[in-house]
Amino acid sequence: MHKISGQQRQHITPGLEVNIVLKKDQRTGTLTKGIVKDILTSSSFHPHGIKVRLEDGQVGRVQEIIE
């Protein structure tokens, strides 16, 4: 399974399966898997990952895109 970093906004589209870090998990780095519903970061790049909302409503920064 090939993994792409979640720092580039162009790589992220609604419907993609991604691993994100929730705000509450930033210290531990625990990943949460889900499907992207909305992209919340407006800039094209973010060093900590593009912020997204998953279909289940959770919000976090994309750590990797699952292909």
C-alpha atoms as a PDB file:
ATOM      1  CA  MET A   1       0.000   0.000   0.000  1.00  0.00           C
ATOM      2  CA  HIS A   2       1.511   3.291  -1.168  1.00  0.00           C
ATOM      3  CA  LYS A   3       1.253   6.241   1.219  1.00  0.00           C
ATOM      4  CA  ILE A   4       1.303   9.936   0.280  1.00  0.00           C
ATOM      5  CA  SER A   5       1.977  12.744   2.749  1.00  0.00           C
ATOM      6  CA  GLY A   6      -0.987  14.945   3.643  1.00  0.00           C
ATOM      7  CA  GLN A   7       0.894  18.255   3.417  1.00  0.00           C
ATOM      8  CA  GLN A   8      -0.162  19.187  -0.131  1.00  0.00           C
ATOM      9  CA  ARG A   9      -3.760  20.320  -0.557  1.00  0.00           C
ATOM     10  CA  GLN A  10      -3.776  19.247  -4.237  1.00  0.00           C
ATOM     11  CA  HIS A  11      -3.428  15.579  -3.199  1.00  0.00           C
ATOM     12  CA  ILE A  12      -6.549  15.639  -1.015  1.00  0.00           C
ATOM     13  CA  THR A  13     -10.079  15.405  -2.364  1.00  0.00           C
ATOM     14  CA  PRO A  14     -13.428  14.540  -0.762  1.00  0.00           C
ATOM     15  CA  GLY A  15     -14.008  10.791  -0.746  1.00  0.00           C
ATOM     16  CA  LEU A  16     -10.358   9.845  -0.166  1.00  0.00           C
ATOM     17  CA  GLU A  17      -9.470   7.469   2.654  1.00  0.00           C
ATOM     18  CA  VAL A  18      -6.891   9.111   4.919  1.00  0.00           C
ATOM     19  CA  ASN A  19      -5.232   8.824   8.308  1.00  0.00           C
ATOM     20  CA  ILE A  20      -5.525  12.002  10.369  1.00  0.00           C
ATOM     21  CA  VAL A  21      -4.312  13.182  13.764  1.00  0.00           C
ATOM     22  CA  LEU A  22      -7.102  14.668  15.870  1.00  0.00           C
ATOM     23  CA  LYS A  23      -6.360  17.760  17.978  1.00  0.00           C
ATOM     24  CA  LYS A  24      -6.626  15.664  21.169  1.00  0.00           C
ATOM     25  CA  ASP A  25      -4.134  13.133  19.731  1.00  0.00           C
ATOM     26  CA  GLN A  26      -1.429  15.586  18.629  1.00  0.00           C
ATOM     27  CA  ARG A  27       0.788  14.753  21.613  1.00  0.00           C
ATOM     28  CA  THR A  28       0.587  10.991  21.098  1.00  0.00           C
ATOM     29  CA  GLY A  29       0.395  10.982  17.298  1.00  0.00           C
ATOM     30  CA  THR A  30      -2.478   8.476  17.331  1.00  0.00           C
ATOM     31  CA  LEU A  31      -3.931   8.138  13.826  1.00  0.00           C
ATOM     32  CA  THR A  32      -7.636   8.040  13.001  1.00  0.00           C
ATOM     33  CA  LYS A  33      -8.733   6.534   9.681  1.00  0.00           C
ATOM     34  CA  GLY A  34     -11.647   7.992   7.759  1.00  0.00           C
ATOM     35  CA  ILE A  35     -13.089   9.366   4.540  1.00  0.00           C
ATOM     36  CA  VAL A  36     -12.578  13.068   3.707  1.00  0.00           C
ATOM     37  CA  LYS A  37     -15.807  15.106   3.615  1.00  0.00           C
ATOM     38  CA  ASP A  38     -14.497  18.704   3.620  1.00  0.00           C
ATOM     39  CA  ILE A  39     -11.066  20.318   3.241  1.00  0.00           C
ATOM     40  CA  LEU A  40     -10.672  23.033   5.879  1.00  0.00           C
ATOM     41  CA  THR A  41      -7.178  24.373   5.071  1.00  0.00           C
ATOM     42  CA  SER A  42      -7.266  27.063   2.373  1.00  0.00           C
ATOM     43  CA  SER A  43      -3.506  27.235   1.714  1.00  0.00           C
ATOM     44  CA  SER A  44      -1.929  24.833  -0.781  1.00  0.00           C
ATOM     45  CA  PHE A  45       0.611  23.497   1.754  1.00  0.00           C
ATOM     46  CA  HIS A  46       0.723  23.011   5.514  1.00  0.00           C
ATOM     47  CA  PRO A  47       3.776  21.521   7.284  1.00  0.00           C
ATOM     48  CA  HIS A  48       1.644  19.661   9.872  1.00  0.00           C
ATOM     49  CA  GLY A  49      -0.867  18.366   7.322  1.00  0.00           C
ATOM     50  CA  ILE A  50      -3.948  19.742   5.608  1.00  0.00           C
ATOM     51  CA  LYS A  51      -6.891  20.057   8.008  1.00  0.00           C
ATOM     52  CA  VAL A  52      -9.979  18.101   6.967  1.00  0.00           C
ATOM     53  CA  ARG A  53     -13.377  17.059   8.299  1.00  0.00           C
ATOM     54  CA  LEU A  54     -14.160  13.366   7.960  1.00  0.00           C
ATOM     55  CA  GLU A  55     -17.578  12.003   6.993  1.00  0.00           C
ATOM     56  CA  ASP A  56     -18.174  11.112  10.667  1.00  0.00           C
ATOM     57  CA  GLY A  57     -17.577  14.765  11.684  1.00  0.00           C
ATOM     58  CA  GLN A  58     -14.122  14.401  13.235  1.00  0.00           C
ATOM     59  CA  VAL A  59     -11.595  17.118  12.349  1.00  0.00           C
ATOM     60  CA  GLY A  60      -7.851  16.691  12.135  1.00  0.00           C
ATOM     61  CA  ARG A  61      -4.732  17.069  10.017  1.00  0.00           C
ATOM     62  CA  VAL A  62      -3.995  14.543   7.274  1.00  0.00           C
ATOM     63  CA  GLN A  63      -0.870  12.505   8.036  1.00  0.00           C
ATOM     64  CA  GLU A  64      -1.141  10.139   5.103  1.00  0.00           C
ATOM     65  CA  ILE A  65      -3.393   9.328   2.188  1.00  0.00           C
ATOM     66  CA  ILE A  66      -4.284   5.638   1.840  1.00  0.00           C
ATOM     67  CA  GLU A  67      -4.368   4.356  -1.732  1.00  0.00           C
END
